[in-house]
Amino acid sequence: MEIVLKYFDDFTETQMQQMQLLEALYKDWNEKINVISRKDIDALYEKHVLHSLAVTVVCNFHNGARVLDVGTGGGFPGIPLAIFFPNVHFTLADSIGKKIRVVQEIATSIGLKNVTAVHARAEDLKVPAFDFAVSRAVAPLGEVWGWVHGMIRKGQCTDELPNGLICLKGGDLEKEIEDSGLKARVQAWSVNDIFPEPFFDEKYLIYVAK
């Protein structure tokens, strides 16, 4: 938790309690259902929570915004973002039912009222009701955009960016962006510039405008 507080020091008491509960809950659930790599579970706050919160630095969602976390897995980036933005509604979707069960149980356990967990493939949702989609290392950029672009409505629910898609990705992304056919609509930020920790070397935020 200390690594999160190094960069974020204005949580409410409720947000602090919710953040602090995540470690024990994820460790307990990970013993039953492997939703986080065994080698990463002891670095939950750096490798999963803080990584997810990088989105908040480039995109401050307005109250009432609706965000889809596509391929949420164990709830990242959706659960940390839902804690950070209590007045934004998050739909966390994944095709693997046991992972969605963990997401729902954790959201309920920490008292999140702004999360809906959905057992579904992204391409099967087909609901044009979101301002943004977010994802973390789910699939190539062009594929993720193909799933979600029809579900993102035109508009702007942040001061910084028009509605669109934000992906957390790693490695050399030049070819992936080129292959996506979206290069003219893409902006990218280095997560290491936001959180200068060794883990975030070659990790990026990729934004595609609607």
N, C-alpha and C. Protein backbone atom coordinates (compact mmCIF):
# COMPACT_ATOMS: atom_id res chain seq x y z
N MET A 1 0.82 -1.21 0.00
CA MET A 1 0.00 0.00 0.00
C MET A 1 0.86 1.27 0.00
N GLU A 2 2.07 1.16 0.59
CA GLU A 2 2.96 2.33 0.67
C GLU A 2 3.30 2.87 -0.71
N ILE A 3 3.45 1.98 -1.69
CA ILE A 3 3.81 2.43 -3.04
C ILE A 3 2.69 3.25 -3.66
N VAL A 4 1.46 2.94 -3.33
CA VAL A 4 0.33 3.74 -3.83
C VAL A 4 0.32 5.11 -3.14
N LEU A 5 0.52 5.12 -1.83
CA LEU A 5 0.49 6.38 -1.08
C LEU A 5 1.67 7.29 -1.43
N LYS A 6 2.70 6.72 -2.01
CA LYS A 6 3.83 7.54 -2.47
C LYS A 6 3.39 8.52 -3.55
N TYR A 7 2.38 8.12 -4.33
CA TYR A 7 1.94 8.95 -5.45
C TYR A 7 0.54 9.54 -5.26
N PHE A 8 -0.24 8.97 -4.36
CA PHE A 8 -1.61 9.45 -4.12
C PHE A 8 -1.80 9.62 -2.62
N ASP A 9 -2.02 10.86 -2.20
CA ASP A 9 -2.11 11.11 -0.76
C ASP A 9 -3.41 11.80 -0.36
N ASP A 10 -4.42 11.75 -1.23
CA ASP A 10 -5.66 12.47 -0.93
C ASP A 10 -6.88 11.56 -0.94
N PHE A 11 -6.69 10.29 -0.59
CA PHE A 11 -7.82 9.38 -0.50
C PHE A 11 -8.71 9.75 0.69
N THR A 12 -10.01 9.54 0.52
CA THR A 12 -10.91 9.66 1.66
C THR A 12 -10.70 8.46 2.59
N GLU A 13 -11.29 8.53 3.77
CA GLU A 13 -11.18 7.40 4.69
C GLU A 13 -11.76 6.12 4.09
N THR A 14 -12.89 6.26 3.40
CA THR A 14 -13.51 5.09 2.75
C THR A 14 -12.59 4.51 1.69
N GLN A 15 -12.01 5.37 0.85
CA GLN A 15 -11.11 4.89 -0.20
C GLN A 15 -9.89 4.19 0.40
N MET A 16 -9.35 4.76 1.48
CA MET A 16 -8.20 4.13 2.14
C MET A 16 -8.56 2.73 2.63
N GLN A 17 -9.71 2.62 3.26
CA GLN A 17 -10.14 1.31 3.77
C GLN A 17 -10.32 0.32 2.64
N GLN A 18 -10.93 0.78 1.55
CA GLN A 18 -11.15 -0.12 0.41
C GLN A 18 -9.83 -0.57 -0.20
N MET A 19 -8.90 0.35 -0.36
CA MET A 19 -7.58 0.00 -0.90
C MET A 19 -6.87 -1.00 0.02
N GLN A 20 -6.91 -0.75 1.32
CA GLN A 20 -6.20 -1.61 2.25
C GLN A 20 -6.76 -3.03 2.30
N LEU A 21 -8.06 -3.16 2.06
CA LEU A 21 -8.68 -4.48 2.09
C LEU A 21 -8.30 -5.35 0.89
N LEU A 22 -7.84 -4.73 -0.19
CA LEU A 22 -7.60 -5.48 -1.43
C LEU A 22 -6.58 -6.60 -1.24
N GLU A 23 -5.51 -6.34 -0.51
CA GLU A 23 -4.43 -7.33 -0.41
C GLU A 23 -4.92 -8.65 0.19
N ALA A 24 -5.57 -8.57 1.35
CA ALA A 24 -6.03 -9.80 1.99
C ALA A 24 -7.07 -10.51 1.15
N LEU A 25 -7.96 -9.74 0.52
CA LEU A 25 -9.01 -10.36 -0.30
C LEU A 25 -8.42 -11.07 -1.51
N TYR A 26 -7.50 -10.41 -2.21
CA TYR A 26 -6.91 -11.04 -3.39
C TYR A 26 -6.05 -12.24 -3.02
N LYS A 27 -5.34 -12.16 -1.91
CA LYS A 27 -4.54 -13.32 -1.49
C LYS A 27 -5.45 -14.50 -1.16
N ASP A 28 -6.56 -14.21 -0.49
CA ASP A 28 -7.50 -15.28 -0.14
C ASP A 28 -8.12 -15.90 -1.39
N TRP A 29 -8.60 -15.06 -2.30
CA TRP A 29 -9.23 -15.59 -3.51
C TRP A 29 -8.22 -16.27 -4.42
N ASN A 30 -6.99 -15.78 -4.42
CA ASN A 30 -5.99 -16.37 -5.30
C ASN A 30 -5.63 -17.79 -4.90
N GLU A 31 -5.86 -18.12 -3.62
CA GLU A 31 -5.65 -19.49 -3.17
C GLU A 31 -6.71 -20.43 -3.75
N LYS A 32 -7.89 -19.89 -4.03
CA LYS A 32 -8.99 -20.69 -4.55
C LYS A 32 -9.05 -20.66 -6.07
N ILE A 33 -8.88 -19.48 -6.63
CA ILE A 33 -8.98 -19.26 -8.08
C ILE A 33 -7.81 -18.38 -8.49
N ASN A 34 -6.96 -18.87 -9.35
CA ASN A 34 -5.75 -18.13 -9.70
C ASN A 34 -6.08 -16.99 -10.66
N VAL A 35 -6.29 -15.80 -10.10
CA VAL A 35 -6.61 -14.63 -10.94
C VAL A 35 -5.43 -13.69 -11.10
N ILE A 36 -4.41 -13.87 -10.28
CA ILE A 36 -3.19 -13.06 -10.35
C ILE A 36 -2.01 -14.03 -10.31
N SER A 37 -0.99 -13.75 -11.10
CA SER A 37 0.20 -14.59 -11.09
C SER A 37 0.72 -14.78 -9.67
N ARG A 38 1.05 -16.01 -9.32
CA ARG A 38 1.54 -16.31 -7.97
C ARG A 38 2.75 -15.45 -7.60
N LYS A 39 3.61 -15.19 -8.58
CA LYS A 39 4.81 -14.41 -8.28
C LYS A 39 4.52 -12.92 -8.13
N ASP A 40 3.34 -12.49 -8.57
CA ASP A 40 2.99 -11.07 -8.49
C ASP A 40 2.12 -10.73 -7.29
N ILE A 41 1.54 -11.70 -6.63
CA ILE A 41 0.54 -11.41 -5.60
C ILE A 41 1.14 -10.59 -4.45
N ASP A 42 2.43 -10.80 -4.13
CA ASP A 42 3.05 -10.03 -3.06
C ASP A 42 3.40 -8.61 -3.48
N ALA A 43 3.29 -8.33 -4.77
CA ALA A 43 3.52 -6.97 -5.28
C ALA A 43 2.22 -6.41 -5.85
N LEU A 44 1.10 -6.80 -5.24
CA LEU A 44 -0.22 -6.41 -5.73
C LEU A 44 -0.35 -4.91 -5.92
N TYR A 45 0.10 -4.14 -4.94
CA TYR A 45 -0.15 -2.70 -4.99
C TYR A 45 0.68 -2.00 -6.06
N GLU A 46 1.87 -2.48 -6.32
CA GLU A 46 2.67 -1.87 -7.39
C GLU A 46 2.25 -2.38 -8.76
N LYS A 47 2.21 -3.69 -8.93
CA LYS A 47 2.05 -4.27 -10.27
C LYS A 47 0.61 -4.28 -10.76
N HIS A 48 -0.34 -4.11 -9.86
CA HIS A 48 -1.74 -4.16 -10.27
C HIS A 48 -2.51 -2.90 -9.91
N VAL A 49 -2.44 -2.49 -8.64
CA VAL A 49 -3.22 -1.32 -8.22
C VAL A 49 -2.62 -0.03 -8.76
N LEU A 50 -1.34 0.23 -8.49
CA LEU A 50 -0.72 1.46 -8.97
C LEU A 50 -0.72 1.52 -10.49
N HIS A 51 -0.42 0.39 -11.12
CA HIS A 51 -0.44 0.33 -12.58
C HIS A 51 -1.80 0.77 -13.11
N SER A 52 -2.87 0.25 -12.51
CA SER A 52 -4.22 0.62 -12.93
C SER A 52 -4.47 2.11 -12.76
N LEU A 53 -3.96 2.68 -11.67
CA LEU A 53 -4.22 4.09 -11.37
C LEU A 53 -3.48 5.05 -12.28
N ALA A 54 -2.58 4.54 -13.10
CA ALA A 54 -1.94 5.41 -14.10
C ALA A 54 -2.98 6.08 -14.98
N VAL A 55 -4.09 5.39 -15.21
CA VAL A 55 -5.17 5.95 -16.05
C VAL A 55 -5.66 7.28 -15.48
N THR A 56 -5.68 7.41 -14.16
CA THR A 56 -6.24 8.62 -13.53
C THR A 56 -5.40 9.86 -13.81
N VAL A 57 -4.13 9.66 -14.13
CA VAL A 57 -3.22 10.79 -14.34
C VAL A 57 -3.49 11.47 -15.68
N VAL A 58 -3.94 10.71 -16.65
CA VAL A 58 -4.20 11.30 -17.97
C VAL A 58 -5.68 11.50 -18.24
N CYS A 59 -6.54 10.95 -17.38
CA CYS A 59 -7.97 10.97 -17.66
C CYS A 59 -8.76 11.05 -16.35
N ASN A 60 -9.31 12.22 -16.05
CA ASN A 60 -10.08 12.44 -14.84
C ASN A 60 -11.56 12.39 -15.18
N PHE A 61 -12.16 11.21 -15.02
CA PHE A 61 -13.55 11.04 -15.44
C PHE A 61 -14.49 11.91 -14.62
N HIS A 62 -15.45 12.55 -15.31
CA HIS A 62 -16.45 13.34 -14.63
C HIS A 62 -17.44 12.43 -13.91
N ASN A 63 -18.05 12.97 -12.86
CA ASN A 63 -19.12 12.24 -12.17
C ASN A 63 -20.21 11.86 -13.15
N GLY A 64 -20.68 10.63 -13.04
CA GLY A 64 -21.74 10.16 -13.91
C GLY A 64 -21.26 9.48 -15.17
N ALA A 65 -19.96 9.52 -15.43
CA ALA A 65 -19.42 8.85 -16.62
C ALA A 65 -19.61 7.33 -16.48
N ARG A 66 -19.62 6.65 -17.63
CA ARG A 66 -19.77 5.20 -17.67
C ARG A 66 -18.56 4.61 -18.40
N VAL A 67 -17.89 3.67 -17.73
CA VAL A 67 -16.64 3.12 -18.24
C VAL A 67 -16.73 1.61 -18.29
N LEU A 68 -16.30 1.04 -19.41
CA LEU A 68 -16.25 -0.41 -19.60
C LEU A 68 -14.81 -0.89 -19.45
N ASP A 69 -14.58 -1.85 -18.54
CA ASP A 69 -13.29 -2.52 -18.43
C ASP A 69 -13.42 -3.85 -19.16
N VAL A 70 -12.78 -3.93 -20.32
CA VAL A 70 -12.95 -5.08 -21.19
C VAL A 70 -11.83 -6.10 -20.92
N GLY A 71 -12.23 -7.37 -20.67
CA GLY A 71 -11.25 -8.39 -20.31
C GLY A 71 -10.63 -8.08 -18.96
N THR A 72 -11.47 -7.79 -17.98
CA THR A 72 -11.00 -7.30 -16.69
C THR A 72 -10.18 -8.31 -15.90
N GLY A 73 -10.30 -9.60 -16.22
CA GLY A 73 -9.54 -10.61 -15.46
C GLY A 73 -9.97 -10.59 -14.01
N GLY A 74 -9.02 -10.34 -13.12
CA GLY A 74 -9.32 -10.27 -11.70
C GLY A 74 -9.83 -8.92 -11.23
N GLY A 75 -10.06 -8.01 -12.18
CA GLY A 75 -10.61 -6.70 -11.80
C GLY A 75 -9.68 -5.53 -12.01
N PHE A 76 -8.75 -5.66 -12.95
CA PHE A 76 -7.80 -4.59 -13.22
C PHE A 76 -7.84 -4.17 -14.69
N PRO A 77 -7.94 -2.87 -14.93
CA PRO A 77 -7.82 -1.76 -13.98
C PRO A 77 -9.11 -1.35 -13.28
N GLY A 78 -10.22 -2.07 -13.50
CA GLY A 78 -11.52 -1.58 -13.10
C GLY A 78 -11.73 -1.35 -11.62
N ILE A 79 -11.30 -2.29 -10.76
CA ILE A 79 -11.58 -2.13 -9.33
C ILE A 79 -10.81 -0.96 -8.73
N PRO A 80 -9.49 -0.81 -8.95
CA PRO A 80 -8.82 0.39 -8.43
C PRO A 80 -9.42 1.69 -8.98
N LEU A 81 -9.82 1.70 -10.24
CA LEU A 81 -10.43 2.91 -10.80
C LEU A 81 -11.78 3.19 -10.16
N ALA A 82 -12.55 2.15 -9.87
CA ALA A 82 -13.85 2.33 -9.23
C ALA A 82 -13.70 2.88 -7.81
N ILE A 83 -12.64 2.48 -7.13
CA ILE A 83 -12.36 3.06 -5.81
C ILE A 83 -11.99 4.53 -5.96
N PHE A 84 -11.16 4.84 -6.93
CA PHE A 84 -10.67 6.20 -7.14
C PHE A 84 -11.79 7.13 -7.58
N PHE A 85 -12.71 6.63 -8.42
CA PHE A 85 -13.81 7.44 -8.95
C PHE A 85 -15.14 6.88 -8.44
N PRO A 86 -15.54 7.15 -7.21
CA PRO A 86 -16.75 6.55 -6.65
C PRO A 86 -18.04 7.00 -7.31
N ASN A 87 -17.98 8.11 -8.06
CA ASN A 87 -19.19 8.62 -8.72
C ASN A 87 -19.21 8.33 -10.22
N VAL A 88 -18.37 7.40 -10.64
CA VAL A 88 -18.33 6.93 -12.03
C VAL A 88 -18.76 5.47 -12.01
N HIS A 89 -19.57 5.07 -12.99
CA HIS A 89 -20.02 3.66 -13.02
C HIS A 89 -19.12 2.83 -13.92
N PHE A 90 -18.67 1.70 -13.40
CA PHE A 90 -17.78 0.81 -14.12
C PHE A 90 -18.46 -0.53 -14.38
N THR A 91 -18.43 -0.97 -15.63
CA THR A 91 -18.86 -2.30 -16.00
C THR A 91 -17.62 -3.13 -16.28
N LEU A 92 -17.39 -4.17 -15.50
CA LEU A 92 -16.22 -5.02 -15.63
C LEU A 92 -16.63 -6.31 -16.31
N ALA A 93 -16.13 -6.55 -17.52
CA ALA A 93 -16.56 -7.69 -18.32
C ALA A 93 -15.40 -8.64 -18.58
N ASP A 94 -15.69 -9.93 -18.51
CA ASP A 94 -14.70 -10.95 -18.85
C ASP A 94 -15.43 -12.21 -19.29
N SER A 95 -14.80 -12.96 -20.17
CA SER A 95 -15.43 -14.18 -20.70
C SER A 95 -15.25 -15.37 -19.77
N ILE A 96 -14.42 -15.23 -18.74
CA ILE A 96 -14.15 -16.34 -17.83
C ILE A 96 -14.97 -16.15 -16.56
N GLY A 97 -15.93 -17.03 -16.36
CA GLY A 97 -16.89 -16.87 -15.28
C GLY A 97 -16.27 -16.84 -13.90
N LYS A 98 -15.26 -17.67 -13.64
CA LYS A 98 -14.68 -17.73 -12.30
C LYS A 98 -13.96 -16.43 -11.95
N LYS A 99 -13.41 -15.75 -12.95
CA LYS A 99 -12.77 -14.46 -12.69
C LYS A 99 -13.80 -13.40 -12.36
N ILE A 100 -14.91 -13.41 -13.08
CA ILE A 100 -15.98 -12.46 -12.80
C ILE A 100 -16.57 -12.69 -11.42
N ARG A 101 -16.61 -13.95 -11.00
CA ARG A 101 -17.08 -14.23 -9.64
C ARG A 101 -16.18 -13.55 -8.61
N VAL A 102 -14.86 -13.63 -8.81
CA VAL A 102 -13.92 -12.98 -7.89
C VAL A 102 -14.14 -11.48 -7.90
N VAL A 103 -14.28 -10.91 -9.09
CA VAL A 103 -14.51 -9.46 -9.21
C VAL A 103 -15.75 -9.05 -8.41
N GLN A 104 -16.84 -9.78 -8.58
CA GLN A 104 -18.08 -9.44 -7.89
C GLN A 104 -17.92 -9.58 -6.38
N GLU A 105 -17.27 -10.65 -5.94
CA GLU A 105 -17.09 -10.87 -4.51
C GLU A 105 -16.22 -9.78 -3.88
N ILE A 106 -15.16 -9.39 -4.57
CA ILE A 106 -14.28 -8.36 -4.02
C ILE A 106 -14.99 -7.01 -4.01
N ALA A 107 -15.69 -6.68 -5.09
CA ALA A 107 -16.43 -5.42 -5.12
C ALA A 107 -17.45 -5.36 -3.99
N THR A 108 -18.14 -6.46 -3.76
CA THR A 108 -19.13 -6.51 -2.67
C THR A 108 -18.45 -6.41 -1.31
N SER A 109 -17.35 -7.11 -1.14
CA SER A 109 -16.65 -7.14 0.15
C SER A 109 -16.14 -5.77 0.58
N ILE A 110 -15.73 -4.94 -0.38
CA ILE A 110 -15.20 -3.62 -0.01
C ILE A 110 -16.25 -2.52 -0.15
N GLY A 111 -17.47 -2.91 -0.49
CA GLY A 111 -18.57 -1.95 -0.51
C GLY A 111 -18.63 -1.05 -1.73
N LEU A 112 -18.12 -1.53 -2.85
CA LEU A 112 -18.22 -0.72 -4.08
C LEU A 112 -19.64 -0.78 -4.62
N LYS A 113 -20.24 0.38 -4.77
CA LYS A 113 -21.62 0.47 -5.28
C LYS A 113 -21.66 0.84 -6.76
N ASN A 114 -20.50 1.12 -7.33
CA ASN A 114 -20.43 1.64 -8.70
C ASN A 114 -19.82 0.64 -9.68
N VAL A 115 -19.93 -0.65 -9.36
CA VAL A 115 -19.37 -1.71 -10.21
C VAL A 115 -20.45 -2.71 -10.59
N THR A 116 -20.51 -3.02 -11.88
CA THR A 116 -21.32 -4.13 -12.38
C THR A 116 -20.38 -5.13 -13.02
N ALA A 117 -20.39 -6.37 -12.55
CA ALA A 117 -19.54 -7.42 -13.11
C ALA A 117 -20.36 -8.26 -14.09
N VAL A 118 -19.85 -8.42 -15.29
CA VAL A 118 -20.59 -9.09 -16.36
C VAL A 118 -19.77 -10.24 -16.93
N HIS A 119 -20.37 -11.42 -16.97
CA HIS A 119 -19.73 -12.59 -17.59
C HIS A 119 -20.11 -12.59 -19.06
N ALA A 120 -19.23 -12.03 -19.88
CA ALA A 120 -19.52 -11.93 -21.32
C ALA A 120 -18.25 -11.60 -22.08
N ARG A 121 -18.20 -12.05 -23.32
CA ARG A 121 -17.15 -11.62 -24.23
C ARG A 121 -17.44 -10.17 -24.64
N ALA A 122 -16.40 -9.38 -24.79
CA ALA A 122 -16.58 -7.97 -25.11
C ALA A 122 -17.41 -7.77 -26.37
N GLU A 123 -17.12 -8.59 -27.38
CA GLU A 123 -17.80 -8.40 -28.66
C GLU A 123 -19.27 -8.78 -28.59
N ASP A 124 -19.70 -9.43 -27.50
CA ASP A 124 -21.11 -9.81 -27.37
C ASP A 124 -21.93 -8.77 -26.61
N LEU A 125 -21.28 -7.77 -26.04
CA LEU A 125 -22.02 -6.77 -25.26
C LEU A 125 -22.87 -5.88 -26.15
N LYS A 126 -22.23 -5.25 -27.13
CA LYS A 126 -22.94 -4.48 -28.17
C LYS A 126 -23.94 -3.49 -27.59
N VAL A 127 -23.53 -2.77 -26.57
CA VAL A 127 -24.41 -1.77 -25.97
C VAL A 127 -23.73 -0.40 -26.10
N PRO A 128 -24.26 0.50 -26.91
CA PRO A 128 -23.61 1.81 -27.11
C PRO A 128 -23.89 2.75 -25.94
N ALA A 129 -23.32 2.40 -24.77
CA ALA A 129 -23.71 3.12 -23.57
C ALA A 129 -22.53 3.59 -22.73
N PHE A 130 -21.31 3.54 -23.29
CA PHE A 130 -20.13 3.87 -22.49
C PHE A 130 -19.45 5.12 -23.02
N ASP A 131 -18.84 5.86 -22.09
CA ASP A 131 -18.05 7.02 -22.48
C ASP A 131 -16.61 6.62 -22.78
N PHE A 132 -16.11 5.66 -22.04
CA PHE A 132 -14.74 5.17 -22.24
C PHE A 132 -14.72 3.66 -22.09
N ALA A 133 -13.75 3.05 -22.73
CA ALA A 133 -13.38 1.66 -22.43
C ALA A 133 -11.94 1.68 -21.96
N VAL A 134 -11.61 0.79 -21.03
CA VAL A 134 -10.24 0.61 -20.57
C VAL A 134 -9.89 -0.86 -20.65
N SER A 135 -8.61 -1.16 -20.79
CA SER A 135 -8.19 -2.55 -20.79
C SER A 135 -6.72 -2.63 -20.40
N ARG A 136 -6.32 -3.83 -19.99
CA ARG A 136 -4.92 -4.05 -19.64
C ARG A 136 -4.45 -5.35 -20.24
N ALA A 137 -3.60 -5.22 -21.27
CA ALA A 137 -2.91 -6.38 -21.87
C ALA A 137 -3.87 -7.51 -22.23
N VAL A 138 -4.99 -7.16 -22.86
CA VAL A 138 -6.00 -8.16 -23.21
C VAL A 138 -5.75 -8.75 -24.59
N ALA A 139 -5.49 -7.89 -25.57
CA ALA A 139 -5.35 -8.30 -26.96
C ALA A 139 -4.68 -7.15 -27.72
N PRO A 140 -4.24 -7.37 -28.96
CA PRO A 140 -3.67 -6.28 -29.74
C PRO A 140 -4.62 -5.10 -29.85
N LEU A 141 -4.06 -3.91 -29.98
CA LEU A 141 -4.85 -2.68 -29.96
C LEU A 141 -5.98 -2.69 -30.98
N GLY A 142 -5.68 -3.10 -32.21
CA GLY A 142 -6.70 -3.09 -33.25
C GLY A 142 -7.85 -4.01 -32.93
N GLU A 143 -7.55 -5.14 -32.29
CA GLU A 143 -8.59 -6.09 -31.92
C GLU A 143 -9.48 -5.53 -30.81
N VAL A 144 -8.86 -4.94 -29.80
CA VAL A 144 -9.64 -4.34 -28.71
C VAL A 144 -10.54 -3.23 -29.25
N TRP A 145 -9.98 -2.40 -30.12
CA TRP A 145 -10.77 -1.31 -30.70
C TRP A 145 -11.95 -1.87 -31.50
N GLY A 146 -11.73 -2.96 -32.21
CA GLY A 146 -12.82 -3.59 -32.95
C GLY A 146 -13.95 -4.05 -32.05
N TRP A 147 -13.60 -4.51 -30.85
CA TRP A 147 -14.62 -4.95 -29.90
C TRP A 147 -15.44 -3.79 -29.36
N VAL A 148 -14.76 -2.67 -29.04
CA VAL A 148 -15.41 -1.66 -28.20
C VAL A 148 -15.86 -0.40 -28.91
N HIS A 149 -15.36 -0.12 -30.12
CA HIS A 149 -15.60 1.22 -30.66
C HIS A 149 -17.09 1.50 -30.87
N GLY A 150 -17.86 0.45 -31.17
CA GLY A 150 -19.29 0.65 -31.37
C GLY A 150 -20.06 0.86 -30.09
N MET A 151 -19.42 0.59 -28.95
CA MET A 151 -20.09 0.76 -27.66
C MET A 151 -19.75 2.08 -26.99
N ILE A 152 -18.82 2.83 -27.59
CA ILE A 152 -18.42 4.11 -27.01
C ILE A 152 -19.18 5.23 -27.70
N ARG A 153 -19.87 6.03 -26.92
CA ARG A 153 -20.65 7.12 -27.50
C ARG A 153 -19.78 8.36 -27.68
N LYS A 154 -20.11 9.16 -28.65
CA LYS A 154 -19.42 10.43 -28.89
C LYS A 154 -19.64 11.36 -27.71
N GLY A 155 -18.65 12.19 -27.45
CA GLY A 155 -18.78 13.16 -26.38
C GLY A 155 -17.47 13.31 -25.64
N GLN A 156 -17.54 13.93 -24.47
CA GLN A 156 -16.34 14.14 -23.66
C GLN A 156 -16.74 14.15 -22.19
N CYS A 157 -16.25 13.16 -21.46
CA CYS A 157 -16.58 13.04 -20.04
C CYS A 157 -15.37 13.30 -19.15
N THR A 158 -14.33 13.91 -19.73
CA THR A 158 -13.15 14.32 -18.97
C THR A 158 -12.76 15.71 -19.43
N ASP A 159 -11.92 16.38 -18.65
CA ASP A 159 -11.41 17.67 -19.09
C ASP A 159 -10.28 17.50 -20.09
N GLU A 160 -9.66 16.32 -20.10
CA GLU A 160 -8.44 16.13 -20.87
C GLU A 160 -8.65 15.54 -22.26
N LEU A 161 -9.56 14.57 -22.37
CA LEU A 161 -9.65 13.78 -23.60
C LEU A 161 -11.10 13.54 -24.01
N PRO A 162 -11.39 13.57 -25.32
CA PRO A 162 -12.69 13.10 -25.79
C PRO A 162 -12.86 11.62 -25.48
N ASN A 163 -14.09 11.16 -25.48
CA ASN A 163 -14.38 9.75 -25.22
C ASN A 163 -13.54 8.84 -26.11
N GLY A 164 -13.21 7.66 -25.60
CA GLY A 164 -12.40 6.74 -26.38
C GLY A 164 -11.98 5.53 -25.57
N LEU A 165 -10.85 4.96 -25.96
CA LEU A 165 -10.30 3.75 -25.36
C LEU A 165 -8.94 4.07 -24.76
N ILE A 166 -8.69 3.56 -23.54
CA ILE A 166 -7.36 3.65 -22.92
C ILE A 166 -6.90 2.23 -22.60
N CYS A 167 -5.74 1.86 -23.13
CA CYS A 167 -5.15 0.54 -22.88
C CYS A 167 -3.85 0.70 -22.11
N LEU A 168 -3.64 -0.18 -21.15
CA LEU A 168 -2.36 -0.30 -20.47
C LEU A 168 -1.61 -1.43 -21.17
N LYS A 169 -0.45 -1.10 -21.73
CA LYS A 169 0.30 -2.07 -22.53
C LYS A 169 1.78 -1.97 -22.24
N GLY A 170 2.52 -3.01 -22.65
CA GLY A 170 3.95 -3.02 -22.44
C GLY A 170 4.73 -3.42 -23.68
N GLY A 171 6.04 -3.15 -23.64
CA GLY A 171 6.92 -3.57 -24.72
C GLY A 171 7.00 -2.55 -25.85
N ASP A 172 7.53 -3.01 -26.97
CA ASP A 172 7.67 -2.17 -28.16
C ASP A 172 6.35 -2.17 -28.91
N LEU A 173 5.65 -1.05 -28.89
CA LEU A 173 4.29 -1.00 -29.43
C LEU A 173 4.21 -0.38 -30.82
N GLU A 174 5.34 0.00 -31.38
CA GLU A 174 5.30 0.71 -32.66
C GLU A 174 4.60 -0.10 -33.74
N LYS A 175 4.96 -1.39 -33.87
CA LYS A 175 4.35 -2.22 -34.90
C LYS A 175 2.88 -2.48 -34.59
N GLU A 176 2.56 -2.70 -33.31
CA GLU A 176 1.17 -2.95 -32.95
C GLU A 176 0.28 -1.76 -33.30
N ILE A 177 0.76 -0.56 -33.03
CA ILE A 177 -0.01 0.64 -33.37
C ILE A 177 -0.13 0.78 -34.88
N GLU A 178 0.97 0.53 -35.58
CA GLU A 178 0.95 0.61 -37.05
C GLU A 178 -0.04 -0.40 -37.62
N ASP A 179 0.00 -1.63 -37.13
CA ASP A 179 -0.88 -2.69 -37.64
C ASP A 179 -2.35 -2.43 -37.32
N SER A 180 -2.62 -1.66 -36.29
CA SER A 180 -4.00 -1.40 -35.88
C SER A 180 -4.74 -0.50 -36.87
N GLY A 181 -3.98 0.26 -37.68
CA GLY A 181 -4.61 1.22 -38.58
C GLY A 181 -5.15 2.45 -37.87
N LEU A 182 -4.77 2.62 -36.60
CA LEU A 182 -5.31 3.71 -35.78
C LEU A 182 -4.27 4.79 -35.47
N LYS A 183 -3.12 4.72 -36.11
CA LYS A 183 -1.99 5.56 -35.70
C LYS A 183 -2.34 7.04 -35.62
N ALA A 184 -3.14 7.52 -36.55
CA ALA A 184 -3.48 8.95 -36.57
C ALA A 184 -4.35 9.36 -35.39
N ARG A 185 -4.97 8.37 -34.74
CA ARG A 185 -5.89 8.67 -33.63
C ARG A 185 -5.32 8.31 -32.27
N VAL A 186 -4.06 7.89 -32.24
CA VAL A 186 -3.46 7.36 -31.01
C VAL A 186 -2.60 8.42 -30.32
N GLN A 187 -2.71 8.46 -29.00
CA GLN A 187 -1.76 9.17 -28.16
C GLN A 187 -1.17 8.16 -27.17
N ALA A 188 0.08 8.37 -26.79
CA ALA A 188 0.75 7.43 -25.89
C ALA A 188 1.52 8.17 -24.82
N TRP A 189 1.54 7.59 -23.62
CA TRP A 189 2.30 8.13 -22.50
C TRP A 189 3.08 6.99 -21.87
N SER A 190 4.29 7.27 -21.44
CA SER A 190 5.08 6.29 -20.70
C SER A 190 4.62 6.25 -19.25
N VAL A 191 4.27 5.08 -18.76
CA VAL A 191 3.90 4.96 -17.34
C VAL A 191 5.10 5.27 -16.46
N ASN A 192 6.30 4.97 -16.95
CA ASN A 192 7.51 5.25 -16.18
C ASN A 192 7.72 6.75 -15.95
N ASP A 193 7.19 7.58 -16.85
CA ASP A 193 7.25 9.03 -16.65
C ASP A 193 6.29 9.47 -15.55
N ILE A 194 5.24 8.70 -15.32
CA ILE A 194 4.24 9.01 -14.30
C ILE A 194 4.67 8.45 -12.95
N PHE A 195 5.08 7.19 -12.96
CA PHE A 195 5.56 6.50 -11.76
C PHE A 195 6.97 5.99 -12.04
N PRO A 196 8.01 6.72 -11.69
CA PRO A 196 9.37 6.31 -12.03
C PRO A 196 9.90 5.17 -11.17
N GLU A 197 9.26 4.00 -11.36
CA GLU A 197 9.68 2.78 -10.68
C GLU A 197 10.18 1.80 -11.74
N PRO A 198 11.18 0.98 -11.44
CA PRO A 198 11.73 0.06 -12.46
C PRO A 198 10.67 -0.83 -13.11
N PHE A 199 9.65 -1.25 -12.36
CA PHE A 199 8.63 -2.13 -12.93
C PHE A 199 7.94 -1.52 -14.14
N PHE A 200 7.85 -0.18 -14.18
CA PHE A 200 7.09 0.47 -15.23
C PHE A 200 7.92 0.84 -16.47
N ASP A 201 9.17 0.40 -16.52
CA ASP A 201 9.96 0.55 -17.75
C ASP A 201 9.23 -0.14 -18.90
N GLU A 202 9.12 0.54 -20.02
CA GLU A 202 8.49 0.00 -21.22
C GLU A 202 7.02 -0.36 -21.01
N LYS A 203 6.36 0.35 -20.11
CA LYS A 203 4.91 0.21 -19.97
C LYS A 203 4.28 1.54 -20.35
N TYR A 204 3.14 1.45 -21.06
CA TYR A 204 2.56 2.64 -21.67
C TYR A 204 1.05 2.69 -21.50
N LEU A 205 0.54 3.90 -21.55
CA LEU A 205 -0.88 4.16 -21.71
C LEU A 205 -1.12 4.53 -23.16
N ILE A 206 -2.03 3.83 -23.81
CA ILE A 206 -2.35 4.08 -25.21
C ILE A 206 -3.83 4.54 -25.27
N TYR A 207 -4.04 5.71 -25.86
CA TYR A 207 -5.38 6.27 -25.99
C TYR A 207 -5.78 6.34 -27.45
N VAL A 208 -7.00 5.91 -27.73
CA VAL A 208 -7.57 6.03 -29.07
C VAL A 208 -8.85 6.85 -28.97
N ALA A 209 -8.93 7.91 -29.73
CA ALA A 209 -10.11 8.77 -29.69
C ALA A 209 -11.26 8.15 -30.47
N LYS A 210 -12.48 8.30 -29.97
CA LYS A 210 -13.67 7.83 -30.66
C LYS A 210 -13.81 8.57 -31.98
